C-alpha atoms as a PDB file:
ATOM      1  CA  MET A   1     -19.785  65.962  -1.563  1.00  0.00           C
ATOM      2  CA  THR A   2     -16.354  64.547  -0.809  1.00  0.00           C
ATOM      3  CA  SER A   3     -15.303  61.983   1.765  1.00  0.00           C
ATOM      4  CA  LYS A   4     -13.223  64.677   3.438  1.00  0.00           C
ATOM      5  CA  THR A   5     -16.305  66.748   4.251  1.00  0.00           C
ATOM      6  CA  ILE A   6     -18.289  63.698   5.374  1.00  0.00           C
ATOM      7  CA  VAL A   7     -15.648  61.655   7.202  1.00  0.00           C
ATOM      8  CA  PRO A   8     -12.493  63.323   8.566  1.00  0.00           C
ATOM      9  CA  ASP A   9      -9.276  61.897   7.173  1.00  0.00           C
ATOM     10  CA  ASP A  10      -8.096  60.606  10.542  1.00  0.00           C
ATOM     11  CA  VAL A  11     -11.378  58.749  11.069  1.00  0.00           C
ATOM     12  CA  ALA A  12     -11.237  57.308   7.548  1.00  0.00           C
ATOM     13  CA  GLU A  13      -7.679  56.103   8.149  1.00  0.00           C
ATOM     14  CA  LEU A  14      -8.686  54.551  11.470  1.00  0.00           C
ATOM     15  CA  LEU A  15     -11.617  52.729   9.894  1.00  0.00           C
ATOM     16  CA  ARG A  16      -9.480  51.316   7.086  1.00  0.00           C
ATOM     17  CA  ALA A  17      -6.733  50.242   9.452  1.00  0.00           C
ATOM     18  CA  GLU A  18      -9.124  48.597  11.916  1.00  0.00           C
ATOM     19  CA  ALA A  19     -11.040  46.826   9.149  1.00  0.00           C
ATOM     20  CA  ALA A  20      -7.783  45.345   7.863  1.00  0.00           C
ATOM     21  CA  ARG A  21      -6.715  44.370  11.383  1.00  0.00           C
ATOM     22  CA  ILE A  22      -9.961  42.616  12.321  1.00  0.00           C
ATOM     23  CA  ASN A  23     -10.937  41.095   8.958  1.00  0.00           C
ATOM     24  CA  THR A  24      -8.574  38.122   9.221  1.00  0.00           C
ATOM     25  CA  PRO A  25      -9.050  34.350   9.463  1.00  0.00           C
ATOM     26  CA  GLU A  26      -8.340  34.550  13.203  1.00  0.00           C
ATOM     27  CA  PHE A  27     -11.570  36.517  13.679  1.00  0.00           C
ATOM     28  CA  ILE A  28     -13.596  33.447  12.661  1.00  0.00           C
ATOM     29  CA  LEU A  29     -12.537  31.381  15.667  1.00  0.00           C
ATOM     30  CA  ALA A  30     -14.583  33.321  18.235  1.00  0.00           C
ATOM     31  CA  ASP A  31     -17.370  34.641  15.996  1.00  0.00           C
ATOM     32  CA  PRO A  32     -20.744  33.118  15.032  1.00  0.00           C
ATOM     33  CA  VAL A  33     -19.637  33.193  11.373  1.00  0.00           C
ATOM     34  CA  GLN A  34     -17.728  30.002  12.203  1.00  0.00           C
ATOM     35  CA  PHE A  35     -20.954  27.982  12.103  1.00  0.00           C
ATOM     36  CA  PRO A  36     -22.085  28.502   8.491  1.00  0.00           C
ATOM     37  CA  ARG A  37     -18.430  28.123   7.491  1.00  0.00           C
ATOM     38  CA  ARG A  38     -18.586  24.494   8.625  1.00  0.00           C
ATOM     39  CA  PHE A  39     -20.651  23.615   5.562  1.00  0.00           C
ATOM     40  CA  SER A  40     -20.136  23.466   1.808  1.00  0.00           C
ATOM     41  CA  LYS A  41     -23.722  23.039   0.557  1.00  0.00           C
ATOM     42  CA  ILE A  42     -25.404  26.412   0.052  1.00  0.00           C
ATOM     43  CA  GLN A  43     -28.622  25.355   1.802  1.00  0.00           C
ATOM     44  CA  ASP A  44     -26.700  24.300   4.928  1.00  0.00           C
ATOM     45  CA  ILE A  45     -24.743  27.559   4.838  1.00  0.00           C
ATOM     46  CA  GLU A  46     -27.920  29.629   4.538  1.00  0.00           C
ATOM     47  CA  ILE A  47     -29.782  27.878   7.352  1.00  0.00           C
ATOM     48  CA  ALA A  48     -26.768  27.946   9.684  1.00  0.00           C
ATOM     49  CA  SER A  49     -26.209  31.628   8.869  1.00  0.00           C
ATOM     50  CA  LEU A  50     -29.789  32.540   9.626  1.00  0.00           C
ATOM     51  CA  LEU A  51     -29.914  30.592  12.877  1.00  0.00           C
ATOM     52  CA  ALA A  52     -26.536  31.806  14.152  1.00  0.00           C
ATOM     53  CA  ALA A  53     -27.435  35.406  13.307  1.00  0.00           C
ATOM     54  CA  ILE A  54     -30.894  35.225  14.894  1.00  0.00           C
ATOM     55  CA  ILE A  55     -29.428  34.255  18.264  1.00  0.00           C
ATOM     56  CA  ALA A  56     -26.454  36.624  17.936  1.00  0.00           C
ATOM     57  CA  TRP A  57     -27.258  39.007  20.762  1.00  0.00           C
ATOM     58  CA  GLY A  58     -25.511  39.199  24.099  1.00  0.00           C
ATOM     59  CA  ASN A  59     -22.233  37.571  25.089  1.00  0.00           C
ATOM     60  CA  ARG A  60     -20.286  36.139  22.140  1.00  0.00           C
ATOM     61  CA  THR A  61     -19.125  33.090  24.070  1.00  0.00           C
ATOM     62  CA  MET A  62     -22.722  32.227  24.958  1.00  0.00           C
ATOM     63  CA  ILE A  63     -23.871  32.866  21.389  1.00  0.00           C
ATOM     64  CA  CYS A  64     -21.266  30.458  20.015  1.00  0.00           C
ATOM     65  CA  ARG A  65     -22.017  27.857  22.682  1.00  0.00           C
ATOM     66  CA  ASP A  66     -25.730  27.964  21.942  1.00  0.00           C
ATOM     67  CA  ALA A  67     -25.319  27.991  18.148  1.00  0.00           C
ATOM     68  CA  ASP A  68     -23.066  24.949  18.377  1.00  0.00           C
ATOM     69  CA  ARG A  69     -25.590  23.177  20.591  1.00  0.00           C
ATOM     70  CA  LEU A  70     -28.483  24.016  18.263  1.00  0.00           C
ATOM     71  CA  LEU A  71     -26.672  22.617  15.232  1.00  0.00           C
ATOM     72  CA  GLY A  72     -25.948  19.490  17.268  1.00  0.00           C
ATOM     73  CA  TRP A  73     -29.662  19.097  17.936  1.00  0.00           C
ATOM     74  CA  MET A  74     -30.077  19.284  14.150  1.00  0.00           C
ATOM     75  CA  ASP A  75     -27.577  16.426  13.718  1.00  0.00           C
ATOM     76  CA  ASN A  76     -25.174  18.981  12.202  1.00  0.00           C
ATOM     77  CA  SER A  77     -27.123  18.617   8.948  1.00  0.00           C
ATOM     78  CA  PRO A  78     -29.441  21.631   8.976  1.00  0.00           C
ATOM     79  CA  TYR A  79     -30.874  21.250   5.468  1.00  0.00           C
ATOM     80  CA  ALA A  80     -31.620  17.537   5.825  1.00  0.00           C
ATOM     81  CA  TYR A  81     -33.084  18.161   9.277  1.00  0.00           C
ATOM     82  CA  LEU A  82     -35.266  20.931   7.868  1.00  0.00           C
ATOM     83  CA  MET A  83     -36.570  19.012   4.884  1.00  0.00           C
ATOM     84  CA  ASP A  84     -37.238  15.911   7.034  1.00  0.00           C
ATOM     85  CA  LYS A  85     -39.290  18.144   9.357  1.00  0.00           C
ATOM     86  CA  GLY A  86     -37.228  17.116  12.351  1.00  0.00           C
ATOM     87  CA  TYR A  87     -38.198  20.409  13.959  1.00  0.00           C
ATOM     88  CA  GLU A  88     -41.727  19.150  14.581  1.00  0.00           C
ATOM     89  CA  GLN A  89     -40.323  16.932  17.349  1.00  0.00           C
ATOM     90  CA  PHE A  90     -38.262  19.759  18.834  1.00  0.00           C
ATOM     91  CA  PRO A  91     -39.547  20.567  22.353  1.00  0.00           C
ATOM     92  CA  GLU A  92     -41.460  23.857  22.290  1.00  0.00           C
ATOM     93  CA  ASP A  93     -40.235  24.904  25.749  1.00  0.00           C
ATOM     94  CA  ARG A  94     -36.574  24.016  25.221  1.00  0.00           C
ATOM     95  CA  ASN A  95     -34.417  27.075  25.758  1.00  0.00           C
ATOM     96  CA  ILE A  96     -32.055  27.679  22.860  1.00  0.00           C
ATOM     97  CA  HIS A  97     -30.610  31.095  23.691  1.00  0.00           C
ATOM     98  CA  ARG A  98     -31.823  33.589  26.268  1.00  0.00           C
ATOM     99  CA  THR A  99     -35.455  34.307  25.274  1.00  0.00           C
ATOM    100  CA  PHE A 100     -35.344  32.183  22.114  1.00  0.00           C
ATOM    101  CA  PHE A 101     -37.169  28.877  22.614  1.00  0.00           C
ATOM    102  CA  GLY A 102     -38.176  25.788  20.689  1.00  0.00           C
ATOM    103  CA  ARG A 103     -41.542  27.247  19.719  1.00  0.00           C
ATOM    104  CA  HIS A 104     -39.778  30.160  17.979  1.00  0.00           C
ATOM    105  CA  PHE A 105     -37.385  27.773  16.247  1.00  0.00           C
ATOM    106  CA  ARG A 106     -40.285  25.678  14.995  1.00  0.00           C
ATOM    107  CA  TRP A 107     -42.043  28.782  13.649  1.00  0.00           C
ATOM    108  CA  LEU A 108     -38.979  29.676  11.619  1.00  0.00           C
ATOM    109  CA  MET A 109     -38.315  26.137  10.432  1.00  0.00           C
ATOM    110  CA  ARG A 110     -41.857  25.683   9.140  1.00  0.00           C
ATOM    111  CA  GLY A 111     -41.464  28.793   7.032  1.00  0.00           C
ATOM    112  CA  LEU A 112     -38.036  27.865   5.747  1.00  0.00           C
ATOM    113  CA  HIS A 113     -39.362  24.430   4.796  1.00  0.00           C
ATOM    114  CA  GLU A 114     -41.981  26.139   2.658  1.00  0.00           C
ATOM    115  CA  ILE A 115     -39.387  28.402   1.033  1.00  0.00           C
ATOM    116  CA  TYR A 116     -37.037  25.492   0.264  1.00  0.00           C
ATOM    117  CA  THR A 117     -39.957  23.498  -1.118  1.00  0.00           C
ATOM    118  CA  ARG A 118     -40.581  26.285  -3.615  1.00  0.00           C
ATOM    119  CA  TYR A 119     -36.988  27.370  -4.311  1.00  0.00           C
ATOM    120  CA  PRO A 120     -33.626  25.576  -4.499  1.00  0.00           C
ATOM    121  CA  SER A 121     -32.028  28.059  -2.100  1.00  0.00           C
ATOM    122  CA  LEU A 122     -32.756  31.124  -0.030  1.00  0.00           C
ATOM    123  CA  ASP A 123     -30.576  33.004  -2.504  1.00  0.00           C
ATOM    124  CA  ALA A 124     -32.965  31.954  -5.270  1.00  0.00           C
ATOM    125  CA  PHE A 125     -35.892  33.147  -3.141  1.00  0.00           C
ATOM    126  CA  SER A 126     -34.096  36.460  -2.604  1.00  0.00           C
ATOM    127  CA  SER A 127     -33.588  36.807  -6.335  1.00  0.00           C
ATOM    128  CA  ALA A 128     -37.204  35.948  -7.118  1.00  0.00           C
ATOM    129  CA  CYS A 129     -38.565  38.530  -4.683  1.00  0.00           C
ATOM    130  CA  GLY A 130     -36.251  41.247  -6.024  1.00  0.00           C
ATOM    131  CA  ALA A 131     -34.292  41.903  -2.832  1.00  0.00           C
ATOM    132  CA  GLY A 132     -31.118  42.775  -4.712  1.00  0.00           C
ATOM    133  CA  ALA A 133     -32.893  45.341  -6.869  1.00  0.00           C
ATOM    134  CA  ASP A 134     -34.344  47.070  -3.827  1.00  0.00           C
ATOM    135  CA  GLU A 135     -32.535  49.976  -2.181  1.00  0.00           C
ATOM    136  CA  ALA A 136     -32.883  48.194   1.169  1.00  0.00           C
ATOM    137  CA  PRO A 137     -32.289  44.490   0.443  1.00  0.00           C
ATOM    138  CA  ALA A 138     -32.464  43.214   4.036  1.00  0.00           C
ATOM    139  CA  TRP A 139     -35.811  44.887   4.690  1.00  0.00           C
ATOM    140  CA  LYS A 140     -37.241  43.695   1.381  1.00  0.00           C
ATOM    141  CA  LEU A 141     -36.040  40.149   2.044  1.00  0.00           C
ATOM    142  CA  VAL A 142     -37.551  40.055   5.537  1.00  0.00           C
ATOM    143  CA  GLU A 143     -40.816  41.493   4.259  1.00  0.00           C
ATOM    144  CA  GLU A 144     -41.092  38.699   1.698  1.00  0.00           C
ATOM    145  CA  MET A 145     -39.964  36.016   4.148  1.00  0.00           C
ATOM    146  CA  GLN A 146     -42.570  37.190   6.642  1.00  0.00           C
ATOM    147  CA  LYS A 147     -45.316  36.671   4.086  1.00  0.00           C
ATOM    148  CA  VAL A 148     -44.346  33.047   3.537  1.00  0.00           C
ATOM    149  CA  ILE A 149     -43.432  32.146   7.111  1.00  0.00           C
ATOM    150  CA  CYS A 150     -46.451  33.791   8.710  1.00  0.00           C
ATOM    151  CA  GLY A 151     -48.610  32.161   6.049  1.00  0.00           C
ATOM    152  CA  VAL A 152     -47.636  28.637   7.096  1.00  0.00           C
ATOM    153  CA  ASN A 153     -47.968  29.521  10.779  1.00  0.00           C
ATOM    154  CA  GLY A 154     -51.600  30.540  10.708  1.00  0.00           C
ATOM    155  CA  GLY A 155     -50.804  34.213  10.186  1.00  0.00           C
ATOM    156  CA  GLU A 156     -48.780  34.389  13.409  1.00  0.00           C
ATOM    157  CA  ALA A 157     -45.663  36.560  13.478  1.00  0.00           C
ATOM    158  CA  CYS A 158     -42.597  35.828  15.618  1.00  0.00           C
ATOM    159  CA  PRO A 159     -40.485  38.884  16.496  1.00  0.00           C
ATOM    160  CA  GLN A 160     -37.931  36.636  18.229  1.00  0.00           C
ATOM    161  CA  CYS A 161     -37.032  35.405  14.742  1.00  0.00           C
ATOM    162  CA  LEU A 162     -37.804  38.290  12.399  1.00  0.00           C
ATOM    163  CA  PRO A 163     -38.668  41.860  13.435  1.00  0.00           C
ATOM    164  CA  VAL A 164     -42.166  42.923  12.498  1.00  0.00           C
ATOM    165  CA  ASN A 165     -41.701  46.707  12.566  1.00  0.00           C
ATOM    166  CA  LEU A 166     -39.670  47.023   9.386  1.00  0.00           C
ATOM    167  CA  ARG A 167     -40.212  50.769   9.203  1.00  0.00           C
ATOM    168  CA  ASN A 168     -38.045  51.258  12.298  1.00  0.00           C
ATOM    169  CA  SER A 169     -36.033  48.076  12.845  1.00  0.00           C
ATOM    170  CA  ALA A 170     -32.284  48.210  12.256  1.00  0.00           C
ATOM    171  CA  LEU A 171     -32.406  44.516  11.267  1.00  0.00           C
ATOM    172  CA  LYS A 172     -29.001  44.037  12.855  1.00  0.00           C
ATOM    173  CA  ARG A 173     -29.078  40.250  12.809  1.00  0.00           C
ATOM    174  CA  ILE A 174     -30.302  39.917   9.226  1.00  0.00           C
ATOM    175  CA  ASN A 175     -27.820  42.509   7.974  1.00  0.00           C
ATOM    176  CA  MET A 176     -25.084  40.498   9.684  1.00  0.00           C
ATOM    177  CA  ALA A 177     -26.213  37.260   8.043  1.00  0.00           C
ATOM    178  CA  LEU A 178     -26.274  39.022   4.676  1.00  0.00           C
ATOM    179  CA  ARG A 179     -22.729  40.284   5.231  1.00  0.00           C
ATOM    180  CA  TRP A 180     -21.618  36.689   5.754  1.00  0.00           C
ATOM    181  CA  LEU A 181     -23.498  35.446   2.689  1.00  0.00           C
ATOM    182  CA  VAL A 182     -22.765  38.275   0.258  1.00  0.00           C
ATOM    183  CA  ARG A 183     -19.294  39.724   0.926  1.00  0.00           C
ATOM    184  CA  ASP A 184     -16.779  37.835  -1.186  1.00  0.00           C
ATOM    185  CA  ASP A 185     -13.266  38.888  -0.186  1.00  0.00           C
ATOM    186  CA  GLY A 186     -12.523  35.293   0.818  1.00  0.00           C
ATOM    187  CA  ILE A 187     -11.337  36.083   4.350  1.00  0.00           C
ATOM    188  CA  VAL A 188     -14.132  35.949   6.946  1.00  0.00           C
ATOM    189  CA  ASP A 189     -17.309  36.285   4.908  1.00  0.00           C
ATOM    190  CA  MET A 190     -18.345  33.520   2.528  1.00  0.00           C
ATOM    191  CA  GLY A 191     -19.716  35.299  -0.540  1.00  0.00           C
ATOM    192  CA  VAL A 192     -21.992  32.465  -1.662  1.00  0.00           C
ATOM    193  CA  TRP A 193     -24.948  34.651  -2.643  1.00  0.00           C
ATOM    194  CA  LYS A 194     -25.422  36.272  -6.046  1.00  0.00           C
ATOM    195  CA  SER A 195     -28.868  37.870  -5.571  1.00  0.00           C
ATOM    196  CA  ILE A 196     -27.641  40.939  -3.657  1.00  0.00           C
ATOM    197  CA  PRO A 197     -24.598  43.057  -4.558  1.00  0.00           C
ATOM    198  CA  LYS A 198     -22.263  43.823  -1.678  1.00  0.00           C
ATOM    199  CA  SER A 199     -22.476  47.523  -2.578  1.00  0.00           C
ATOM    200  CA  LYS A 200     -26.065  47.435  -1.267  1.00  0.00           C
ATOM    201  CA  LEU A 201     -25.301  45.875   2.106  1.00  0.00           C
ATOM    202  CA  PHE A 202     -25.994  47.827   5.294  1.00  0.00           C
ATOM    203  CA  ILE A 203     -24.042  47.899   8.542  1.00  0.00           C
ATOM    204  CA  PRO A 204     -25.342  45.553  11.268  1.00  0.00           C
ATOM    205  CA  LEU A 205     -26.089  48.182  13.905  1.00  0.00           C
ATOM    206  CA  ASP A 206     -26.046  47.166  17.567  1.00  0.00           C
ATOM    207  CA  VAL A 207     -25.360  49.087  20.779  1.00  0.00           C
ATOM    208  CA  HIS A 208     -21.574  48.880  20.516  1.00  0.00           C
ATOM    209  CA  VAL A 209     -21.420  49.817  16.834  1.00  0.00           C
ATOM    210  CA  GLY A 210     -23.822  52.682  17.461  1.00  0.00           C
ATOM    211  CA  ASN A 211     -21.774  54.033  20.368  1.00  0.00           C
ATOM    212  CA  VAL A 212     -18.493  53.815  18.459  1.00  0.00           C
ATOM    213  CA  SER A 213     -20.065  55.471  15.412  1.00  0.00           C
ATOM    214  CA  ARG A 214     -21.282  58.393  17.534  1.00  0.00           C
ATOM    215  CA  GLN A 215     -17.886  58.783  19.167  1.00  0.00           C
ATOM    216  CA  LEU A 216     -16.294  58.971  15.719  1.00  0.00           C
ATOM    217  CA  GLY A 217     -18.852  61.499  14.480  1.00  0.00           C
ATOM    218  CA  LEU A 218     -20.310  59.077  11.957  1.00  0.00           C
ATOM    219  CA  LEU A 219     -23.774  58.970  13.492  1.00  0.00           C
ATOM    220  CA  GLY A 220     -25.827  61.825  14.885  1.00  0.00           C
ATOM    221  CA  ARG A 221     -29.021  60.007  15.804  1.00  0.00           C
ATOM    222  CA  LYS A 222     -29.421  58.657  19.326  1.00  0.00           C
ATOM    223  CA  SER A 223     -31.576  55.664  18.444  1.00  0.00           C
ATOM    224  CA  ASN A 224     -30.186  52.459  16.960  1.00  0.00           C
ATOM    225  CA  ASP A 225     -32.961  52.247  14.392  1.00  0.00           C
ATOM    226  CA  ARG A 226     -33.342  51.928  10.640  1.00  0.00           C
ATOM    227  CA  LYS A 227     -32.719  55.625   9.989  1.00  0.00           C
ATOM    228  CA  SER A 228     -29.470  55.364  11.928  1.00  0.00           C
ATOM    229  CA  VAL A 229     -28.397  52.354   9.861  1.00  0.00           C
ATOM    230  CA  GLU A 230     -29.122  54.334   6.703  1.00  0.00           C
ATOM    231  CA  GLU A 231     -27.263  57.399   7.976  1.00  0.00           C
ATOM    232  CA  LEU A 232     -24.202  55.433   9.074  1.00  0.00           C
ATOM    233  CA  THR A 233     -24.016  53.228   5.992  1.00  0.00           C
ATOM    234  CA  GLY A 234     -24.473  56.251   3.748  1.00  0.00           C
ATOM    235  CA  LYS A 235     -21.329  57.816   5.179  1.00  0.00           C
ATOM    236  CA  LEU A 236     -19.376  54.601   4.905  1.00  0.00           C
ATOM    237  CA  ARG A 237     -20.438  54.230   1.261  1.00  0.00           C
ATOM    238  CA  ILE A 238     -18.578  57.457   0.588  1.00  0.00           C
ATOM    239  CA  LEU A 239     -15.380  55.759   1.745  1.00  0.00           C
ATOM    240  CA  ASN A 240     -16.025  52.478  -0.083  1.00  0.00           C
ATOM    241  CA  PRO A 241     -18.968  52.558  -2.503  1.00  0.00           C
ATOM    242  CA  SER A 242     -18.491  48.975  -3.640  1.00  0.00           C
ATOM    243  CA  ASP A 243     -18.136  47.426  -0.169  1.00  0.00           C
ATOM    244  CA  PRO A 244     -19.400  49.653   2.675  1.00  0.00           C
ATOM    245  CA  SER A 245     -20.049  46.816   5.117  1.00  0.00           C
ATOM    246  CA  VAL A 246     -16.341  45.973   5.319  1.00  0.00           C
ATOM    247  CA  PHE A 247     -16.246  48.720   7.948  1.00  0.00           C
ATOM    248  CA  ASP A 248     -18.427  46.570  10.197  1.00  0.00           C
ATOM    249  CA  PHE A 249     -15.165  44.894  11.198  1.00  0.00           C
ATOM    250  CA  ALA A 250     -13.669  48.240  12.161  1.00  0.00           C
ATOM    251  CA  LEU A 251     -16.667  49.430  14.152  1.00  0.00           C
ATOM    252  CA  PHE A 252     -16.755  46.098  15.947  1.00  0.00           C
ATOM    253  CA  GLY A 253     -13.033  46.159  16.696  1.00  0.00           C
ATOM    254  CA  ILE A 254     -12.677  49.708  17.974  1.00  0.00           C
ATOM    255  CA  GLY A 255     -12.994  49.737  21.752  1.00  0.00           C
ATOM    256  CA  ILE A 256     -13.967  46.099  22.170  1.00  0.00           C
ATOM    257  CA  ASN A 257     -12.026  43.103  23.371  1.00  0.00           C
ATOM    258  CA  SER A 258     -14.069  40.174  22.100  1.00  0.00           C
ATOM    259  CA  LYS A 259     -16.667  40.464  24.867  1.00  0.00           C
ATOM    260  CA  ASN A 260     -20.137  41.447  23.656  1.00  0.00           C
ATOM    261  CA  THR A 261     -21.566  41.982  20.205  1.00  0.00           C
END
């Protein structure tokens, strides 16, 4: 099946043009990707990526404000803060972003402390659990992370941090973090991970991306769920098999003016 029968030529041209227009260093300045880019140590990059992505819902200005504030509370040294268990003194009722509070942050930090105690990096954990070999790396990674993090939290899950319904969840925030960590074109994304090939990345699907994709005829499903992510990314893989998630920039940029993600 050819790209012409899957994606009309005019849509393909628009996607390529918009991806090139948006995927520039200037994009970083107002995007949550700016926070992991502050660091050089892979552990700091991973933790900042995960935290910035987890709170990346709603207004971008608020997301960036709250991510900056959270890193400040961590003394702008996320890995040292994590391994020193600074999170245990973090107020449980402190509001971090919208409905994300200190108790959710502490849940996540306890689990990440366990992972970093066992592995030198989250990338190493991803490699050990076979995320990159799986057809759905983000879902496999979250499944394995849930096992560890729930285990050190008395079996308690925390959907504010990691979705629990992996059969249906689009995993927008985790797919976004993976785009930052895996894509290696040296422009916006950092490309510090080796455990997952960028050819296996999926589009971070939110309301805006879903609406734009439907308008362009790239997505037929009405729900922004896992099946929709698979349908959309499958079409985009036809256009760029080695790097389908580059079109996340295009779908973000079409019809938006840096307001909401």
